[in-house]
C-alpha cells in the first residue's frame, strides 16, 4: 500500500513538472529594440572661450539669463589695447582730414593748378600774338623768343602741378588705407578683450568670477538653446549598425519616472568612444515635457522592428540559439526578431507544437 502511494505521489510530481515546463508557442505582437542610456542637453550647447588671456574685469550676465547673438558676456582688462585703438583712431581721423577736409593738402595744390591754368591761358595768348607778329616781320626776335619761353614754362609748370596733385592724392589715399588697417587691427585686438555670445540662447553656467586670471585654454561659460533640447544616446558598438535616422525612440527620464516620451533619431556620430566602447546618437523629442534641464538622465529603447501576430516562444526555451525540445525530440527552428523575453519563430514548429524548457 505504501509503495502504491509513493508511486502516485511521484507520478503527480512528474505530471506537475511537465505542465510547468511544457508550453505552446503564442501568436502576439513583437517589438525589437536596442537599449541606450540617455542624457538631455540643450541644442547647440557650447563652451565660451576668450581669445586672449588676462584678468577678468567684469561678468555682464547671470546664470539663466537669455542672451542675443553678439551680446557682451565678459570684459577682460584691456588698458593698453584700448589706448592703441584710440591712437589708431586719431591717426585715421587725421589722415582723412588731410585727404578730404577743408585744410586738405590736395585743396592747396588744386588752387595752384587753377592759377597755373589761368597763367597758361594768358601766356598762350601773348605767345601766339607775338608769333603772328613775328611771322609778319613785326617786332623783334627777342620779344618772340621771350613770349615763347614764358609759354613753355607755363605749360611745364601746369604739367608738374598736375603730376604733383596725382602723386600727392595717391600718397594720401595710401596713408588713409594704412590708418584704416591699423585702426581695424587695433579694434580687433580691443574687441578680443570683450567676450560676446555667438548665438541666441541661455546662459547655463558661469565658470569664473571677476578678478580671476583667465586664459584662452579654459572656458568661461556654457551657453545653449533656450527651448530646444536634444537627447544624447549611448549605443553599444554591437548595436550601432542597426540604428538609422528617424527611428522611433521610447524614453523614460528619472525626473518623469511615470511618463514615456516619444522621440526620433536625428543624428548618428560615426566616431566610437574608446573608453566605453559606445557610439553617440542624437534624438529629438516629438512632444517634450514642459520643463527640462541640462543633464537630465534616463533610459531609452530605440525601436528597430515591429511585427504583428507573429509566432513567438520564450527565449528561455531556446537551445543553442536555434533549437527547441519537442515531443519528437530536438528540432531546429528558424528565428526572426526578438526582444528581451521572446523570440519570433519563422519555421520548424507550429502553434500546436509543445516545447519543453531545457534543463539547466
Protein backbone atom coordinates (compact mmCIF):
# COMPACT_ATOMS: atom_id res chain seq x y z
CA UNK A 1 0.00 0.00 0.00
CA UNK A 2 2.86 2.35 0.83
CA UNK A 3 4.51 1.53 -2.48
CA UNK A 4 1.37 2.42 -4.45
CA UNK A 5 1.01 5.69 -2.55
CA UNK A 6 4.64 6.68 -3.25
CA UNK A 7 4.28 5.85 -6.95
CA UNK A 8 1.14 8.02 -7.12
CA UNK A 9 2.98 10.94 -5.50
CA UNK A 10 5.90 10.55 -7.91
CA UNK A 11 3.63 10.44 -10.98
CA UNK A 12 1.78 13.52 -9.74
CA UNK A 13 5.06 15.37 -9.25
CA UNK A 14 6.31 14.49 -12.73
CA UNK A 15 2.96 15.48 -14.23
CA UNK A 16 3.08 18.89 -12.49
CA UNK A 17 6.65 19.37 -13.62
CA UNK A 18 5.70 18.58 -17.21
CA UNK A 19 2.86 21.12 -17.05
CA UNK A 20 5.26 23.76 -15.79
CA UNK A 21 7.94 23.17 -18.40
CA UNK A 22 5.75 22.35 -21.41
CA UNK A 23 4.17 25.23 -23.34
CA UNK A 24 2.70 26.06 -26.72
CA UNK A 25 4.05 28.90 -28.93
CA UNK A 26 1.99 32.08 -28.76
CA UNK A 27 0.94 34.48 -31.51
CA UNK A 28 1.46 38.05 -30.39
CA UNK A 29 2.90 41.44 -31.37
CA UNK A 30 6.67 41.61 -31.06
CA UNK A 31 8.83 44.71 -30.88
CA UNK A 32 12.59 44.52 -31.30
CA UNK A 33 14.54 47.38 -29.77
CA UNK A 34 18.03 48.49 -28.79
CA UNK A 35 18.73 49.76 -25.28
CA UNK A 36 20.59 53.05 -24.76
CA UNK A 37 21.37 55.27 -21.79
CA UNK A 38 20.09 58.81 -22.30
CA UNK A 39 21.09 62.33 -21.27
CA UNK A 40 19.17 65.50 -22.14
CA UNK A 41 21.18 68.54 -23.26
CA UNK A 42 20.24 71.90 -24.81
CA UNK A 43 20.66 72.03 -28.58
CA UNK A 44 23.76 73.91 -29.82
CA UNK A 45 25.38 73.65 -26.40
CA UNK A 46 28.82 75.24 -26.49
CA UNK A 47 31.55 76.45 -24.15
CA UNK A 48 32.54 80.11 -24.29
CA UNK A 49 36.27 80.84 -24.56
CA UNK A 50 38.21 84.11 -24.53
CA UNK A 51 40.56 84.90 -27.41
CA UNK A 52 43.14 86.42 -25.06
CA UNK A 53 44.48 85.84 -21.57
CA UNK A 54 44.19 88.38 -18.77
CA UNK A 55 42.34 89.37 -15.63
CA UNK A 56 38.55 89.12 -15.72
CA UNK A 57 37.28 92.65 -15.09
CA UNK A 58 33.51 92.13 -15.16
CA UNK A 59 30.86 89.43 -15.68
CA UNK A 60 28.00 91.08 -17.56
CA UNK A 61 25.36 88.30 -17.30
CA UNK A 62 23.91 85.91 -14.74
CA UNK A 63 23.18 82.19 -14.96
CA UNK A 64 19.77 81.69 -16.51
CA UNK A 65 19.87 84.94 -18.50
CA UNK A 66 18.64 84.93 -22.08
CA UNK A 67 21.21 86.47 -24.42
CA UNK A 68 21.15 87.56 -28.05
CA UNK A 69 23.89 86.88 -30.55
CA UNK A 70 26.66 89.46 -30.09
CA UNK A 71 25.67 90.40 -26.54
CA UNK A 72 28.74 91.06 -24.32
CA UNK A 73 29.24 88.42 -21.65
CA UNK A 74 32.66 89.18 -20.09
CA UNK A 75 35.08 92.09 -20.02
CA UNK A 76 38.78 91.39 -19.64
CA UNK A 77 41.07 94.25 -18.54
CA UNK A 78 42.46 95.84 -21.72
CA UNK A 79 44.09 99.20 -20.87
CA UNK A 80 46.96 99.01 -23.38
CA UNK A 81 44.91 97.68 -26.34
CA UNK A 82 42.29 100.35 -25.68
CA UNK A 83 44.89 103.15 -25.81
CA UNK A 84 46.34 101.67 -29.01
CA UNK A 85 42.88 101.65 -30.54
CA UNK A 86 42.28 105.30 -29.58
CA UNK A 87 45.65 106.36 -31.03
CA UNK A 88 44.90 104.49 -34.24
CA UNK A 89 41.53 106.27 -34.44
CA UNK A 90 43.24 109.68 -34.06
CA UNK A 91 45.70 108.80 -36.84
CA UNK A 92 42.84 107.69 -39.09
CA UNK A 93 40.89 110.91 -38.49
CA UNK A 94 43.99 112.99 -39.30
CA UNK A 95 44.63 111.03 -42.50
CA UNK A 96 41.02 111.51 -43.61
CA UNK A 97 41.19 115.22 -42.80
CA UNK A 98 44.35 115.61 -44.90
CA UNK A 99 42.65 113.84 -47.76
CA UNK A 100 39.11 115.19 -47.61
CA UNK A 101 38.99 118.05 -45.11
CA UNK A 102 38.79 121.80 -45.58
CA UNK A 103 42.54 122.14 -44.92
CA UNK A 104 43.38 119.27 -47.25
CA UNK A 105 46.78 119.29 -48.93
CA UNK A 106 45.10 118.47 -52.25
CA UNK A 107 42.98 121.59 -51.98
CA UNK A 108 46.11 123.81 -51.94
CA UNK A 109 47.61 122.04 -54.95
CA UNK A 110 44.27 122.33 -56.77
CA UNK A 111 44.33 126.10 -56.22
CA UNK A 112 47.85 126.24 -57.65
CA UNK A 113 46.66 124.26 -60.70
CA UNK A 114 43.78 126.66 -61.27
CA UNK A 115 46.17 129.62 -61.09
CA UNK A 116 48.58 127.87 -63.45
CA UNK A 117 45.76 127.25 -65.96
CA UNK A 118 44.88 130.96 -65.95
CA UNK A 119 48.54 131.92 -66.37
CA UNK A 120 48.89 129.43 -69.21
CA UNK A 121 45.91 130.92 -71.00
CA UNK A 122 47.35 134.41 -70.67
CA UNK A 123 50.85 133.32 -71.73
CA UNK A 124 49.34 131.38 -74.62
CA UNK A 125 47.52 134.48 -75.92
CA UNK A 126 50.65 136.60 -75.64
CA UNK A 127 52.80 133.95 -77.32
CA UNK A 128 50.55 133.35 -80.32
CA UNK A 129 50.00 137.11 -80.78
CA UNK A 130 53.72 137.68 -80.79
CA UNK A 131 54.21 134.70 -83.10
CA UNK A 132 51.77 136.14 -85.63
CA UNK A 133 53.57 139.47 -85.48
CA UNK A 134 56.93 137.84 -85.92
CA UNK A 135 55.69 135.89 -88.92
CA UNK A 136 54.74 139.29 -90.43
CA UNK A 137 58.22 140.57 -89.50
CA UNK A 138 56.76 142.88 -86.92
CA UNK A 139 58.60 143.22 -83.64
CA UNK A 140 61.91 141.72 -82.63
CA UNK A 141 63.01 138.09 -82.44
CA UNK A 142 63.95 138.62 -78.80
CA UNK A 143 60.35 139.53 -77.96
CA UNK A 144 59.08 136.43 -79.79
CA UNK A 145 61.52 134.10 -78.05
CA UNK A 146 60.74 135.65 -74.67
CA UNK A 147 56.97 135.07 -75.11
CA UNK A 148 57.60 131.52 -76.33
CA UNK A 149 59.81 130.74 -73.32
CA UNK A 150 57.19 132.12 -70.93
CA UNK A 151 54.53 129.98 -72.64
CA UNK A 152 56.65 126.82 -72.48
CA UNK A 153 57.41 127.43 -68.82
CA UNK A 154 53.67 127.81 -68.09
CA UNK A 155 52.95 124.51 -69.88
CA UNK A 156 55.62 122.70 -67.91
CA UNK A 157 54.52 124.28 -64.63
CA UNK A 158 50.92 123.11 -65.16
CA UNK A 159 52.14 119.61 -66.02
CA UNK A 160 54.31 119.49 -62.87
CA UNK A 161 51.44 120.66 -60.69
CA UNK A 162 49.09 118.01 -62.11
CA UNK A 163 51.69 115.29 -61.58
CA UNK A 164 52.24 116.56 -58.05
CA UNK A 165 48.47 116.51 -57.45
CA UNK A 166 48.10 112.90 -58.64
CA UNK A 167 51.15 111.73 -56.67
CA UNK A 168 50.00 113.50 -53.51
CA UNK A 169 46.48 112.12 -53.91
CA UNK A 170 47.83 108.57 -54.21
CA UNK A 171 50.08 109.05 -51.18
CA UNK A 172 47.23 110.44 -49.09
CA UNK A 173 44.96 107.58 -50.15
CA UNK A 174 47.67 105.13 -49.13
CA UNK A 175 48.05 106.85 -45.76
CA UNK A 176 44.27 106.65 -45.20
CA UNK A 177 44.20 102.93 -46.06
CA UNK A 178 47.13 102.24 -43.79
CA UNK A 179 45.47 104.18 -40.97
CA UNK A 180 42.23 102.23 -41.54
CA UNK A 181 44.12 98.93 -41.40
CA UNK A 182 45.91 99.99 -38.21
CA UNK A 183 42.64 101.08 -36.64
CA UNK A 184 40.86 97.85 -37.65
CA UNK A 185 43.73 95.79 -36.25
CA UNK A 186 43.66 97.75 -33.00
CA UNK A 187 39.86 97.45 -32.83
CA UNK A 188 40.04 93.68 -33.29
CA UNK A 189 42.65 93.45 -30.56
CA UNK A 190 40.41 95.55 -28.33
CA UNK A 191 37.29 93.51 -29.16
CA UNK A 192 39.13 90.32 -28.18
CA UNK A 193 39.03 91.58 -24.59
CA UNK A 194 35.23 91.74 -24.77
CA UNK A 195 33.79 88.18 -24.93
CA UNK A 196 30.38 88.12 -26.64
CA UNK A 197 27.76 85.45 -27.28
CA UNK A 198 27.88 83.61 -30.60
CA UNK A 199 24.21 82.65 -30.55
CA UNK A 200 20.74 83.46 -29.28
CA UNK A 201 20.30 81.31 -26.20
CA UNK A 202 20.55 80.92 -22.44
CA UNK A 203 23.48 81.11 -20.02
CA UNK A 204 23.56 77.72 -18.30
CA UNK A 205 26.80 78.09 -16.35
CA UNK A 206 29.34 80.78 -15.40
CA UNK A 207 32.75 79.36 -14.57
CA UNK A 208 34.77 82.41 -13.41
CA UNK A 209 34.46 85.37 -11.06
CA UNK A 210 35.76 88.95 -11.54
CA UNK A 211 39.40 89.31 -10.55
CA UNK A 212 40.37 85.81 -11.63
CA UNK A 213 43.02 85.19 -14.26
CA UNK A 214 41.53 83.68 -17.39
CA UNK A 215 43.17 82.11 -20.42
CA UNK A 216 42.19 81.09 -23.91
CA UNK A 217 42.54 77.43 -22.90
CA UNK A 218 39.79 77.39 -20.26
CA UNK A 219 36.06 78.02 -20.81
CA UNK A 220 34.34 80.97 -19.16
CA UNK A 221 30.71 79.88 -19.54
CA UNK A 222 28.33 77.34 -21.06
CA UNK A 223 25.57 78.53 -23.42
CA UNK A 224 22.89 76.66 -25.31
CA UNK A 225 19.47 76.82 -26.88
CA UNK A 226 16.67 78.24 -24.76
CA UNK A 227 13.83 75.86 -25.58
CA UNK A 228 15.18 73.23 -27.95
CA UNK A 229 16.69 70.15 -26.30
CA UNK A 230 18.29 67.05 -27.75
CA UNK A 231 18.72 63.57 -26.30
CA UNK A 232 22.22 62.09 -26.30
CA UNK A 233 22.02 58.29 -26.51
CA UNK A 234 24.96 55.97 -25.87
CA UNK A 235 24.60 52.86 -28.04
CA UNK A 236 26.78 49.77 -27.68
CA UNK A 237 29.03 49.06 -30.65
CA UNK A 238 27.33 45.71 -31.30
CA UNK A 239 24.03 47.53 -31.93
CA UNK A 240 25.11 50.67 -33.79
CA UNK A 241 24.79 49.10 -37.26
CA UNK A 242 21.08 48.61 -36.63
CA UNK A 243 20.44 52.30 -35.92
CA UNK A 244 19.10 54.61 -38.64
CA UNK A 245 17.83 58.17 -38.77
CA UNK A 246 14.14 58.73 -37.98
CA UNK A 247 13.79 55.54 -35.95
CA UNK A 248 11.34 55.79 -33.07
CA UNK A 249 12.72 56.16 -29.54
CA UNK A 250 10.82 55.50 -26.32
CA UNK A 251 12.38 57.39 -23.44
CA UNK A 252 11.91 57.36 -19.66
CA UNK A 253 13.59 60.14 -17.66
CA UNK A 254 14.31 59.78 -13.97
CA UNK A 255 12.69 63.18 -13.38
CA UNK A 256 9.50 61.92 -15.07
CA UNK A 257 9.59 58.28 -13.99
CA UNK A 258 5.92 57.58 -14.75
CA UNK A 259 5.92 59.01 -18.28
CA UNK A 260 7.19 57.52 -21.54
CA UNK A 261 8.28 60.17 -24.04
CA UNK A 262 8.48 59.57 -27.76
CA UNK A 263 11.46 60.81 -29.75
CA UNK A 264 13.11 60.27 -33.13
CA UNK A 265 16.71 59.60 -34.14
CA UNK A 266 18.16 62.75 -35.76
CA UNK A 267 21.91 62.19 -35.94
CA UNK A 268 24.44 59.36 -35.67
CA UNK A 269 28.03 60.22 -34.79
CA UNK A 270 30.46 57.94 -36.63
CA UNK A 271 33.31 58.01 -34.09
CA UNK A 272 33.40 55.41 -31.33
CA UNK A 273 34.23 56.39 -27.76
CA UNK A 274 37.11 54.03 -26.97
CA UNK A 275 36.69 54.49 -23.23
CA UNK A 276 33.28 52.84 -23.01
CA UNK A 277 33.02 51.23 -26.46
CA UNK A 278 29.86 53.14 -27.37
CA UNK A 279 28.64 55.42 -30.14
CA UNK A 280 26.74 58.68 -29.55
CA UNK A 281 23.36 59.05 -31.23
CA UNK A 282 21.15 62.13 -31.04
CA UNK A 283 17.36 62.14 -30.89
CA UNK A 284 14.75 64.91 -30.72
CA UNK A 285 11.54 64.94 -28.71
CA UNK A 286 8.23 64.53 -30.51
CA UNK A 287 6.35 66.08 -27.57
CA UNK A 288 8.87 67.26 -24.97
CA UNK A 289 7.96 67.90 -21.33
CA UNK A 290 7.30 71.49 -20.37
CA UNK A 291 10.32 71.72 -18.07
CA UNK A 292 13.75 70.39 -19.00
CA UNK A 293 17.19 70.96 -17.52
CA UNK A 294 20.62 70.11 -18.92
CA UNK A 295 21.90 66.78 -17.69
CA UNK A 296 18.57 65.04 -17.03
CA UNK A 297 19.22 61.32 -17.45
CA UNK A 298 17.18 58.25 -18.23
CA UNK A 299 16.88 55.11 -20.31
CA UNK A 300 15.71 54.68 -23.88
CA UNK A 301 14.70 51.93 -26.27
CA UNK A 302 15.31 52.51 -29.97
CA UNK A 303 12.63 50.67 -31.93
CA UNK A 304 14.22 48.52 -34.64
CA UNK A 305 11.28 46.39 -35.82
CA UNK A 306 7.59 45.97 -35.03
CA UNK A 307 5.64 42.87 -36.11
CA UNK A 308 2.02 41.93 -35.52
CA UNK A 309 0.65 38.40 -34.94
CA UNK A 310 3.95 36.53 -35.08
CA UNK A 311 4.59 33.10 -33.59
CA UNK A 312 6.79 33.51 -30.52
CA UNK A 313 8.38 31.43 -27.80
CA UNK A 314 10.18 32.50 -24.64
CA UNK A 315 13.92 32.89 -25.15
CA UNK A 316 14.50 30.62 -22.16
CA UNK A 317 13.15 27.67 -24.19
CA UNK A 318 15.71 28.07 -26.97
CA UNK A 319 18.61 25.61 -27.16
CA UNK A 320 21.92 26.58 -28.84
CA UNK A 321 20.30 29.68 -30.37
CA UNK A 322 18.24 27.76 -33.00
CA UNK A 323 16.76 24.57 -31.48
CA UNK A 324 13.86 23.61 -29.23
CA UNK A 325 12.89 20.45 -27.38
CA UNK A 326 9.57 18.90 -28.55
CA UNK A 327 7.70 15.62 -28.11
CA UNK A 328 9.61 14.44 -31.21
CA UNK A 329 12.97 15.41 -29.73
CA UNK A 330 15.29 18.33 -30.51
CA UNK A 331 14.04 20.30 -33.55
CA UNK A 332 15.84 23.11 -35.43
CA UNK A 333 13.90 26.34 -35.94
CA UNK A 334 14.41 29.49 -37.97
CA UNK A 335 14.18 32.59 -35.80
CA UNK A 336 13.35 36.22 -36.60
CA UNK A 337 13.06 39.34 -34.46
CA UNK A 338 13.42 39.22 -30.72
CA UNK A 339 13.23 41.30 -27.58
CA UNK A 340 14.48 40.71 -24.07
CA UNK A 341 11.96 37.94 -23.32
CA UNK A 342 10.54 36.48 -26.55
CA UNK A 343 11.75 35.48 -29.98
CA UNK A 344 9.95 35.01 -33.30
CA UNK A 345 9.83 31.52 -34.83
CA UNK A 346 9.66 31.58 -38.62
CA UNK A 347 9.60 27.81 -39.25
CA UNK A 348 10.34 24.44 -37.68
CA UNK A 349 7.37 24.29 -35.30
CA UNK A 350 3.72 25.40 -35.33
CA UNK A 351 1.43 26.93 -32.76
CA UNK A 352 0.28 23.40 -31.86
CA UNK A 353 3.77 22.08 -31.12
CA UNK A 354 4.52 21.62 -27.45
CA UNK A 355 8.03 22.69 -26.45
CA UNK A 356 9.93 21.96 -23.28
CA UNK A 357 12.18 24.16 -21.20
CA UNK A 358 15.73 22.78 -21.40
CA UNK A 359 17.46 21.53 -18.30
CA UNK A 360 19.98 23.92 -16.85
